[in-house]
């Protein structure tokens, strides 16, 4: 995606997803003979789904300073997609065959393919800070003959071409009008950040620890939720009466349905963390001496404090991760309390954490790293987090066998482990202080330079007056 853009990957992903649904429908036609096809279908399904999800995360680049908000909205829609399964279950129980459902799902994927083929551009969406608007003017001579005298004279025709693209694209062939007329060389290109530097940067490494911990916390709860709810009803005894076991099954079924419906909250809560990531970016400048896009006067008549875009992005990321980590801690505490109605609050916190962390991490990568590294970094982080989340299986086995279904000690250990999530905002705070000192030094140099120029201008003005006298 970083090399060829999101369009080819989205086309392949949507085609793979459509093929997977068609294969599932084919397996449903004769399950006994065609059951092995399901493994191939699931492979295409997973690959196609992740391609569609990752390519969708490039769309928020079109919204400028609201990029993180719209990225959170995209992640929220992805996280809340589980709510469709109760609807599919109702359709299936109403009498619709599984084959028809899968074929309809395959048709929806074909619509995604057609939409991408028609509407998506060939080039990737440039990030707001990497957009450049270039204008190419070419002057060419044109010989004309006068109708009456027959004299020949020459005129110039200006050909103007305009282009909105990413910095560094086609810069070798782009000249300003003055440069092209006089044969000057274009300005040197900006230094490209190597991918190796982005991968081994402290921010990315700390984010791997934070996301791996959170992914393990979230997935373990989803895997062990039924057992936890059953333990709250039965108490974990070896010989459970039949009526108590039936009550436990009904309770687990009811709470599981509520948990599935609550996944829709991701769609409504994720934009909140995106709004935090985009806070006051319109008032920021890129470097000392730049003019902000909005009015620089506060409501009390005094000039507003100058905000730098990179520092403001780090400040917003710190607030987002601290707030999300607090929710993780509250989620861990509610998991320790053996109270069945309290689990509704646990469901809400789980849903918010699940969407907030992915939104905050995606917004951080989009804000700190070049857009050409976003897809690779996001995919690498998802892979490492998924591998780390495999630890949920031994934790689940430990809860079931040695602990006899009691999740207290496992939840307590995960709660303590969740404290490591504050290391990432801690480093971001340290890095922000470093950038603040650098910007303060640049402001001082700029102020000294302006002061020297003012003194020179005054001296030249005084000297001119004396000579005139």
Protein backbone atom coordinates (compact mmCIF):
# COMPACT_ATOMS: atom_id res chain seq x y z
CA UNK A 1 0.00 0.00 0.00
CA UNK A 2 2.85 2.40 0.75
CA UNK A 3 4.53 1.67 -2.60
CA UNK A 4 1.64 1.25 -5.05
CA UNK A 5 -1.13 3.15 -3.25
CA UNK A 6 -4.34 1.82 -1.66
CA UNK A 7 -6.30 1.28 -4.89
CA UNK A 8 -4.67 -1.96 -6.15
CA UNK A 9 -4.67 -3.45 -2.64
CA UNK A 10 -8.33 -2.54 -2.13
CA UNK A 11 -9.26 -4.12 -5.47
CA UNK A 12 -7.45 -7.34 -4.55
CA UNK A 13 -8.92 -7.29 -1.04
CA UNK A 14 -12.51 -6.79 -2.15
CA UNK A 15 -12.14 -9.50 -4.80
CA UNK A 16 -10.69 -11.89 -2.20
CA UNK A 17 -13.53 -11.15 0.20
CA UNK A 18 -16.14 -11.72 -2.50
CA UNK A 19 -14.44 -15.00 -3.47
CA UNK A 20 -14.36 -16.13 0.16
CA UNK A 21 -18.11 -15.58 0.58
CA UNK A 22 -18.76 -17.43 -2.68
CA UNK A 23 -16.63 -20.35 -1.49
CA UNK A 24 -18.54 -20.47 1.80
CA UNK A 25 -21.79 -20.56 -0.16
CA UNK A 26 -20.36 -23.39 -2.27
CA UNK A 27 -19.37 -25.33 0.85
CA UNK A 28 -22.87 -24.85 2.26
CA UNK A 29 -24.32 -26.51 -0.86
CA UNK A 30 -22.76 -29.86 0.14
CA UNK A 31 -21.08 -29.54 3.56
CA UNK A 32 -19.92 -33.15 3.88
CA UNK A 33 -18.08 -33.22 0.54
CA UNK A 34 -16.94 -29.59 0.33
CA UNK A 35 -16.03 -28.87 3.96
CA UNK A 36 -12.25 -28.48 3.22
CA UNK A 37 -13.04 -25.46 1.06
CA UNK A 38 -13.93 -23.55 4.23
CA UNK A 39 -10.24 -23.32 5.24
CA UNK A 40 -9.39 -21.70 1.90
CA UNK A 41 -12.43 -19.43 2.20
CA UNK A 42 -11.41 -18.27 5.67
CA UNK A 43 -7.91 -17.44 4.39
CA UNK A 44 -9.31 -15.28 1.60
CA UNK A 45 -11.80 -13.76 4.04
CA UNK A 46 -9.15 -12.67 6.52
CA UNK A 47 -6.82 -11.33 3.84
CA UNK A 48 -9.58 -9.45 2.03
CA UNK A 49 -11.02 -7.99 5.22
CA UNK A 50 -7.69 -6.64 6.47
CA UNK A 51 -6.94 -5.15 3.02
CA UNK A 52 -10.27 -3.32 2.97
CA UNK A 53 -9.76 -2.10 6.54
CA UNK A 54 -6.21 -0.79 6.05
CA UNK A 55 -6.95 0.94 2.76
CA UNK A 56 -9.93 2.68 4.35
CA UNK A 57 -7.56 4.32 6.84
CA UNK A 58 -6.03 6.40 4.02
CA UNK A 59 -9.32 8.17 3.28
CA UNK A 60 -9.10 10.55 6.30
CA UNK A 61 -6.12 12.27 4.64
CA UNK A 62 -8.68 14.18 2.56
CA UNK A 63 -10.04 15.98 5.65
CA UNK A 64 -7.00 18.03 6.66
CA UNK A 65 -6.94 18.99 10.34
CA UNK A 66 -9.85 16.61 11.04
CA UNK A 67 -7.90 13.59 9.84
CA UNK A 68 -7.74 11.82 13.22
CA UNK A 69 -11.46 12.37 13.83
CA UNK A 70 -12.44 10.72 10.57
CA UNK A 71 -9.85 7.98 11.07
CA UNK A 72 -11.42 7.23 14.46
CA UNK A 73 -14.82 7.13 12.77
CA UNK A 74 -13.50 4.58 10.26
CA UNK A 75 -11.99 2.45 13.05
CA UNK A 76 -15.22 2.74 15.02
CA UNK A 77 -17.23 1.44 12.09
CA UNK A 78 -14.79 -1.45 11.75
CA UNK A 79 -14.90 -2.25 15.48
CA UNK A 80 -18.70 -2.08 15.61
CA UNK A 81 -19.14 -4.40 12.63
CA UNK A 82 -19.72 -7.31 15.01
CA UNK A 83 -23.22 -5.96 15.59
CA UNK A 84 -24.18 -7.25 12.12
CA UNK A 85 -23.95 -10.85 13.27
CA UNK A 86 -27.07 -10.73 15.48
CA UNK A 87 -28.91 -9.34 12.45
CA UNK A 88 -27.60 -12.13 10.23
CA UNK A 89 -28.61 -14.63 12.90
CA UNK A 90 -32.16 -13.28 12.92
CA UNK A 91 -32.31 -13.47 9.12
CA UNK A 92 -31.09 -17.07 9.23
CA UNK A 93 -33.58 -18.03 11.95
CA UNK A 94 -36.35 -16.41 9.86
CA UNK A 95 -35.83 -19.08 7.19
CA UNK A 96 -33.23 -17.63 4.83
CA UNK A 97 -30.65 -20.22 3.82
CA UNK A 98 -26.97 -19.80 4.66
CA UNK A 99 -26.14 -20.14 0.96
CA UNK A 100 -28.32 -17.13 0.07
CA UNK A 101 -26.81 -15.06 2.89
CA UNK A 102 -23.25 -15.76 1.70
CA UNK A 103 -24.11 -14.99 -1.91
CA UNK A 104 -25.65 -11.68 -0.85
CA UNK A 105 -22.51 -10.91 1.17
CA UNK A 106 -20.41 -11.69 -1.89
CA UNK A 107 -22.49 -9.24 -3.94
CA UNK A 108 -21.85 -6.52 -1.36
CA UNK A 109 -18.11 -7.15 -1.71
CA UNK A 110 -18.47 -6.84 -5.49
CA UNK A 111 -20.02 -3.40 -4.93
CA UNK A 112 -16.91 -2.42 -2.96
CA UNK A 113 -14.80 -3.61 -5.91
CA UNK A 114 -16.80 -1.53 -8.40
CA UNK A 115 -16.74 1.54 -6.15
CA UNK A 116 -12.98 1.30 -5.81
CA UNK A 117 -12.54 0.78 -9.55
CA UNK A 118 -14.65 3.85 -10.40
CA UNK A 119 -14.07 6.33 -7.58
CA UNK A 120 -10.66 5.68 -6.04
CA UNK A 121 -7.69 7.55 -7.59
CA UNK A 122 -4.66 5.72 -8.89
CA UNK A 123 -2.31 7.68 -6.64
CA UNK A 124 -2.43 7.46 -2.86
CA UNK A 125 -4.02 10.20 -0.77
CA UNK A 126 -1.26 12.55 0.43
CA UNK A 127 -1.21 13.57 4.07
CA UNK A 128 -2.27 17.18 4.81
CA UNK A 129 1.25 18.25 5.82
CA UNK A 130 2.74 16.62 2.71
CA UNK A 131 0.43 18.16 0.11
CA UNK A 132 1.97 20.50 -2.45
CA UNK A 133 0.19 22.55 -5.10
CA UNK A 134 2.43 23.00 -8.11
CA UNK A 135 1.89 25.19 -11.16
CA UNK A 136 3.94 24.69 -14.30
CA UNK A 137 4.12 27.54 -16.84
CA UNK A 138 5.71 26.94 -20.22
CA UNK A 139 6.31 29.76 -22.69
CA UNK A 140 6.60 28.95 -26.39
CA UNK A 141 7.09 31.22 -29.42
CA UNK A 142 4.42 31.54 -32.11
CA UNK A 143 5.04 33.15 -35.54
CA UNK A 144 2.16 35.10 -37.12
CA UNK A 145 1.81 37.05 -40.42
CA UNK A 146 0.01 40.38 -40.57
CA UNK A 147 -3.05 40.21 -42.83
CA UNK A 148 -2.45 43.59 -44.56
CA UNK A 149 1.30 44.30 -44.59
CA UNK A 150 2.46 40.69 -44.58
CA UNK A 151 5.03 41.47 -41.86
CA UNK A 152 5.87 38.59 -39.56
CA UNK A 153 5.89 39.09 -35.82
CA UNK A 154 6.29 36.76 -32.86
CA UNK A 155 4.21 36.29 -29.75
CA UNK A 156 4.33 33.98 -26.77
CA UNK A 157 1.80 31.37 -25.70
CA UNK A 158 1.66 30.43 -22.02
CA UNK A 159 0.67 26.88 -21.16
CA UNK A 160 -0.31 26.48 -17.52
CA UNK A 161 -0.61 23.13 -15.80
CA UNK A 162 -1.80 22.69 -12.21
CA UNK A 163 -1.43 19.67 -9.98
CA UNK A 164 -2.22 18.67 -6.42
CA UNK A 165 0.11 15.93 -5.32
CA UNK A 166 2.44 14.75 -2.60
CA UNK A 167 5.75 16.43 -1.92
CA UNK A 168 8.52 14.74 -3.79
CA UNK A 169 6.30 13.35 -6.57
CA UNK A 170 7.48 14.35 -10.05
CA UNK A 171 9.64 17.11 -8.61
CA UNK A 172 12.35 16.30 -11.12
CA UNK A 173 10.07 17.40 -13.94
CA UNK A 174 8.48 20.39 -12.20
CA UNK A 175 9.86 23.89 -12.71
CA UNK A 176 8.63 27.33 -11.94
CA UNK A 177 8.13 29.70 -14.83
CA UNK A 178 11.33 31.65 -14.12
CA UNK A 179 13.43 28.53 -13.74
CA UNK A 180 12.13 27.03 -16.96
CA UNK A 181 12.68 30.18 -19.01
CA UNK A 182 16.23 30.79 -17.82
CA UNK A 183 17.19 27.12 -17.71
CA UNK A 184 17.81 27.01 -13.98
CA UNK A 185 17.83 23.79 -12.02
CA UNK A 186 14.96 23.15 -9.60
CA UNK A 187 15.39 23.33 -5.88
CA UNK A 188 16.76 20.20 -4.26
CA UNK A 189 14.22 17.72 -2.98
CA UNK A 190 13.45 17.37 0.68
CA UNK A 191 15.33 14.70 2.57
CA UNK A 192 13.40 11.43 2.62
CA UNK A 193 13.05 9.71 6.01
CA UNK A 194 14.22 6.07 5.70
CA UNK A 195 11.80 3.40 6.82
CA UNK A 196 14.43 1.89 9.11
CA UNK A 197 14.46 5.07 11.20
CA UNK A 198 10.67 4.96 11.62
CA UNK A 199 10.66 1.28 12.67
CA UNK A 200 13.39 1.66 15.28
CA UNK A 201 12.15 4.97 16.64
CA UNK A 202 11.32 4.95 20.37
CA UNK A 203 7.72 6.06 19.74
CA UNK A 204 7.00 3.03 17.54
CA UNK A 205 8.74 0.60 19.91
CA UNK A 206 6.83 1.92 22.93
CA UNK A 207 3.60 1.74 20.94
CA UNK A 208 4.25 -1.96 20.27
CA UNK A 209 4.41 -2.63 24.02
CA UNK A 210 1.29 -0.56 24.69
CA UNK A 211 -0.76 -2.04 21.85
CA UNK A 212 0.38 -5.60 22.60
CA UNK A 213 -0.65 -5.25 26.23
CA UNK A 214 -4.02 -3.74 25.35
CA UNK A 215 -4.70 -6.30 22.63
CA UNK A 216 -4.03 -9.13 25.07
CA UNK A 217 -6.29 -7.50 27.67
CA UNK A 218 -9.17 -7.01 25.23
CA UNK A 219 -8.97 -10.40 23.49
CA UNK A 220 -8.62 -12.36 26.72
CA UNK A 221 -11.82 -10.83 28.04
CA UNK A 222 -13.67 -11.64 24.82
CA UNK A 223 -12.42 -15.25 24.95
CA UNK A 224 -13.11 -15.82 28.65
CA UNK A 225 -16.26 -13.70 29.08
CA UNK A 226 -18.69 -16.63 29.05
CA UNK A 227 -16.65 -18.52 31.63
CA UNK A 228 -16.41 -15.41 33.82
CA UNK A 229 -20.16 -14.85 33.71
CA UNK A 230 -20.80 -18.52 34.43
CA UNK A 231 -18.47 -18.35 37.44
CA UNK A 232 -20.38 -15.34 38.81
CA UNK A 233 -23.61 -17.38 38.74
CA UNK A 234 -22.41 -20.83 39.85
CA UNK A 235 -19.50 -19.84 42.07
CA UNK A 236 -17.16 -22.30 40.34
CA UNK A 237 -18.23 -25.47 42.13
CA UNK A 238 -17.42 -28.87 40.63
CA UNK A 239 -20.91 -30.29 41.03
CA UNK A 240 -23.41 -27.66 39.94
CA UNK A 241 -27.15 -28.41 40.34
CA UNK A 242 -29.08 -28.73 37.13
CA UNK A 243 -31.37 -25.77 37.82
CA UNK A 244 -28.40 -23.55 38.67
CA UNK A 245 -26.60 -24.63 35.52
CA UNK A 246 -29.68 -23.78 33.45
CA UNK A 247 -29.85 -20.36 35.11
CA UNK A 248 -26.17 -19.85 34.32
CA UNK A 249 -26.70 -20.76 30.66
CA UNK A 250 -29.61 -18.34 30.35
CA UNK A 251 -27.64 -15.57 32.05
CA UNK A 252 -24.61 -16.09 29.84
CA UNK A 253 -26.79 -16.06 26.72
CA UNK A 254 -28.53 -12.84 27.78
CA UNK A 255 -25.33 -11.01 28.73
CA UNK A 256 -23.57 -12.19 25.56
CA UNK A 257 -26.36 -10.73 23.46
CA UNK A 258 -26.10 -7.43 25.32
CA UNK A 259 -22.33 -7.44 24.81
CA UNK A 260 -22.76 -7.98 21.06
CA UNK A 261 -25.26 -5.13 20.72
CA UNK A 262 -22.99 -2.81 22.72
CA UNK A 263 -20.29 -3.12 20.05
CA UNK A 264 -22.26 -0.46 18.18
CA UNK A 265 -20.98 2.02 20.78
CA UNK A 266 -17.61 1.96 19.01
CA UNK A 267 -19.13 3.91 16.15
CA UNK A 268 -20.30 6.69 18.48
CA UNK A 269 -17.42 6.83 20.98
CA UNK A 270 -14.38 6.55 18.67
CA UNK A 271 -14.79 10.03 17.11
CA UNK A 272 -14.34 11.43 20.63
CA UNK A 273 -10.73 10.27 20.82
CA UNK A 274 -10.21 11.44 17.25
CA UNK A 275 -11.44 14.90 18.24
CA UNK A 276 -8.90 14.90 21.08
CA UNK A 277 -6.15 14.05 18.57
CA UNK A 278 -7.22 16.97 16.31
CA UNK A 279 -7.60 19.52 19.12
CA UNK A 280 -6.55 23.06 18.05
CA UNK A 281 -4.50 21.97 15.04
CA UNK A 282 -6.02 24.80 12.99
CA UNK A 283 -4.33 27.35 15.27
CA UNK A 284 -0.86 25.83 14.80
CA UNK A 285 2.11 26.80 12.65
CA UNK A 286 4.89 24.59 11.36
CA UNK A 287 7.90 26.74 12.30
CA UNK A 288 8.78 30.04 13.98
CA UNK A 289 7.83 32.97 11.78
CA UNK A 290 4.92 31.22 10.08
CA UNK A 291 1.46 32.76 10.14
CA UNK A 292 -1.39 30.62 11.56
CA UNK A 293 -4.46 29.89 9.45
CA UNK A 294 -6.84 31.43 11.99
CA UNK A 295 -6.99 34.76 13.79
CA UNK A 296 -4.14 35.11 16.25
CA UNK A 297 -6.03 37.33 18.73
CA UNK A 298 -7.72 35.85 21.77
CA UNK A 299 -11.09 36.90 23.12
CA UNK A 300 -9.53 39.26 25.71
CA UNK A 301 -7.67 41.22 23.03
CA UNK A 302 -4.21 39.77 23.73
CA UNK A 303 -2.38 37.72 21.08
CA UNK A 304 -2.80 33.99 21.35
CA UNK A 305 0.06 31.78 22.42
CA UNK A 306 1.90 30.48 19.37
CA UNK A 307 1.33 26.77 18.93
CA UNK A 308 3.52 24.53 16.81
CA UNK A 309 1.84 21.74 14.88
CA UNK A 310 4.22 18.93 15.82
CA UNK A 311 4.20 19.84 19.52
CA UNK A 312 0.40 20.15 19.53
CA UNK A 313 0.07 16.73 17.91
CA UNK A 314 2.24 15.21 20.64
CA UNK A 315 0.21 17.01 23.32
CA UNK A 316 -3.03 15.66 21.88
CA UNK A 317 -1.56 12.14 21.66
CA UNK A 318 -0.48 12.30 25.31
CA UNK A 319 -4.00 13.26 26.38
CA UNK A 320 -5.56 10.53 24.23
CA UNK A 321 -3.32 7.75 25.53
CA UNK A 322 -3.55 8.86 29.18
CA UNK A 323 -7.35 8.96 28.96
CA UNK A 324 -7.47 5.55 27.27
CA UNK A 325 -5.08 4.02 29.81
CA UNK A 326 -7.28 5.30 32.63
CA UNK A 327 -10.21 3.51 30.98
CA UNK A 328 -8.11 0.33 30.80
CA UNK A 329 -7.40 0.55 34.53
CA UNK A 330 -11.09 1.11 35.33
CA UNK A 331 -11.95 -1.84 33.08
CA UNK A 332 -9.50 -4.04 34.97
CA UNK A 333 -10.96 -2.97 38.33
CA UNK A 334 -14.54 -3.75 37.29
CA UNK A 335 -13.39 -7.20 36.12
CA UNK A 336 -12.18 -7.93 39.66
CA UNK A 337 -15.50 -7.12 41.30
CA UNK A 338 -17.78 -10.16 41.56
CA UNK A 339 -21.01 -8.38 40.77
CA UNK A 340 -23.15 -9.44 37.84
CA UNK A 341 -24.98 -6.13 37.08
CA UNK A 342 -21.62 -4.33 37.19
CA UNK A 343 -20.63 -6.24 34.07
CA UNK A 344 -22.75 -3.86 31.99
CA UNK A 345 -20.27 -1.13 32.91
CA UNK A 346 -17.46 -3.56 32.07
CA UNK A 347 -18.98 -4.07 28.62
CA UNK A 348 -19.10 -0.32 28.01
CA UNK A 349 -15.49 0.16 29.13
CA UNK A 350 -14.33 -2.79 27.00
CA UNK A 351 -16.04 -1.35 23.93
CA UNK A 352 -14.54 2.12 24.47
CA UNK A 353 -11.03 0.76 25.08
CA UNK A 354 -11.21 -1.46 22.00
CA UNK A 355 -11.95 1.48 19.74
CA UNK A 356 -9.96 4.19 21.53
CA UNK A 357 -6.59 2.46 21.45
CA UNK A 358 -6.69 1.64 17.75
CA UNK A 359 -7.87 5.19 16.96
CA UNK A 360 -5.22 6.82 19.14
CA UNK A 361 -2.45 4.62 17.71
CA UNK A 362 -3.54 5.23 14.12
CA UNK A 363 -3.73 8.97 14.76
CA UNK A 364 -0.27 8.92 16.36
CA UNK A 365 1.30 7.12 13.39
CA UNK A 366 -0.40 9.49 10.94
CA UNK A 367 0.79 12.52 12.92
CA UNK A 368 4.40 11.51 13.57
CA UNK A 369 5.52 9.40 10.61
CA UNK A 370 5.50 10.03 6.83
CA UNK A 371 2.38 8.90 5.02
CA UNK A 372 4.45 6.49 2.90
CA UNK A 373 5.28 4.54 6.08
CA UNK A 374 1.77 4.51 7.56
CA UNK A 375 0.56 1.28 5.97
CA UNK A 376 3.69 -0.73 6.74
CA UNK A 377 3.91 0.52 10.33
CA UNK A 378 0.23 -0.16 10.97
CA UNK A 379 0.48 -3.66 9.49
CA UNK A 380 3.64 -4.44 11.46
CA UNK A 381 2.04 -3.23 14.68
CA UNK A 382 -1.08 -5.31 14.03
CA UNK A 383 1.02 -8.41 13.33
CA UNK A 384 3.13 -8.07 16.48
CA UNK A 385 0.06 -7.31 18.60
CA UNK A 386 -1.74 -10.37 17.20
CA UNK A 387 1.25 -12.61 17.97
CA UNK A 388 1.45 -11.18 21.49
CA UNK A 389 -2.28 -11.73 21.96
CA UNK A 390 -1.75 -15.48 21.50
CA UNK A 391 -0.82 -15.51 25.19
CA UNK A 392 -4.53 -15.39 25.94
CA UNK A 393 -4.73 -19.15 25.29
CA UNK A 394 -2.37 -20.22 28.14
CA UNK A 395 -4.01 -17.62 30.38
CA UNK A 396 -7.41 -19.07 29.61
CA UNK A 397 -6.18 -22.62 30.28
CA UNK A 398 -4.70 -21.47 33.59
CA UNK A 399 -8.02 -19.93 34.58
CA UNK A 400 -10.00 -23.06 33.67
CA UNK A 401 -7.76 -25.80 35.09
CA UNK A 402 -5.61 -24.73 38.07
CA UNK A 403 -7.90 -21.87 39.17
CA UNK A 404 -11.15 -23.85 38.60
CA UNK A 405 -12.75 -21.06 36.56
CA UNK A 406 -11.90 -18.23 38.99
CA UNK A 407 -10.60 -15.31 36.87
CA UNK A 408 -9.53 -13.12 39.81
CA UNK A 409 -5.78 -13.80 39.76
CA UNK A 410 -5.52 -13.64 35.97
CA UNK A 411 -7.42 -10.33 35.91
CA UNK A 412 -5.26 -9.00 38.73
CA UNK A 413 -2.09 -9.86 36.83
CA UNK A 414 -3.43 -8.22 33.68
CA UNK A 415 -4.43 -5.14 35.68
CA UNK A 416 -0.86 -4.77 36.96
CA UNK A 417 0.47 -5.39 33.47
CA UNK A 418 -1.84 -2.65 32.15
CA UNK A 419 0.19 -0.04 34.05
CA UNK A 420 2.90 -0.41 31.39
CA UNK A 421 0.54 1.41 29.04
CA UNK A 422 1.55 4.71 30.66
CA UNK A 423 5.13 4.32 29.38
CA UNK A 424 4.18 5.51 25.88
CA UNK A 425 2.58 8.83 26.97
CA UNK A 426 5.51 9.21 29.39
CA UNK A 427 7.99 9.08 26.54
CA UNK A 428 5.79 11.35 24.42
CA UNK A 429 5.89 13.88 27.28
CA UNK A 430 9.70 13.70 27.37
CA UNK A 431 9.91 14.05 23.58
CA UNK A 432 7.53 17.03 23.63
CA UNK A 433 9.70 18.85 26.19
CA UNK A 434 12.71 18.27 23.95
CA UNK A 435 10.90 19.74 20.93
CA UNK A 436 9.65 22.66 23.01
CA UNK A 437 13.21 23.58 23.97
CA UNK A 438 14.31 23.33 20.33
CA UNK A 439 11.49 25.60 19.18
CA UNK A 440 12.29 28.07 21.96
CA UNK A 441 15.90 28.19 20.73
CA UNK A 442 14.76 28.80 17.15
CA UNK A 443 12.46 31.59 18.33
CA UNK A 444 15.35 33.21 20.19
CA UNK A 445 17.58 33.06 17.11
CA UNK A 446 14.81 34.48 14.95
CA UNK A 447 14.20 37.29 17.43
CA UNK A 448 17.94 38.10 17.60
CA UNK A 449 18.15 38.17 13.81
CA UNK A 450 15.16 40.49 13.56
CA UNK A 451 16.65 42.75 16.27
CA UNK A 452 19.99 42.99 14.42
CA UNK A 453 18.26 43.83 11.14
CA UNK A 454 16.25 46.54 12.90
CA UNK A 455 19.40 48.05 14.36
CA UNK A 456 21.08 48.02 10.93
CA UNK A 457 18.06 49.69 9.37
CA UNK A 458 18.06 52.40 12.04
CA UNK A 459 21.77 52.94 11.60
CA UNK A 460 21.43 53.24 7.84
CA UNK A 461 18.55 55.66 8.26
CA UNK A 462 20.53 57.86 10.67
CA UNK A 463 23.56 57.84 8.39
CA UNK A 464 21.51 58.90 5.39
CA UNK A 465 20.00 61.78 7.34
CA UNK A 466 23.41 63.03 8.45
CA UNK A 467 24.79 62.95 4.93
CA UNK A 468 21.79 64.80 3.59
CA UNK A 469 22.24 67.52 6.19
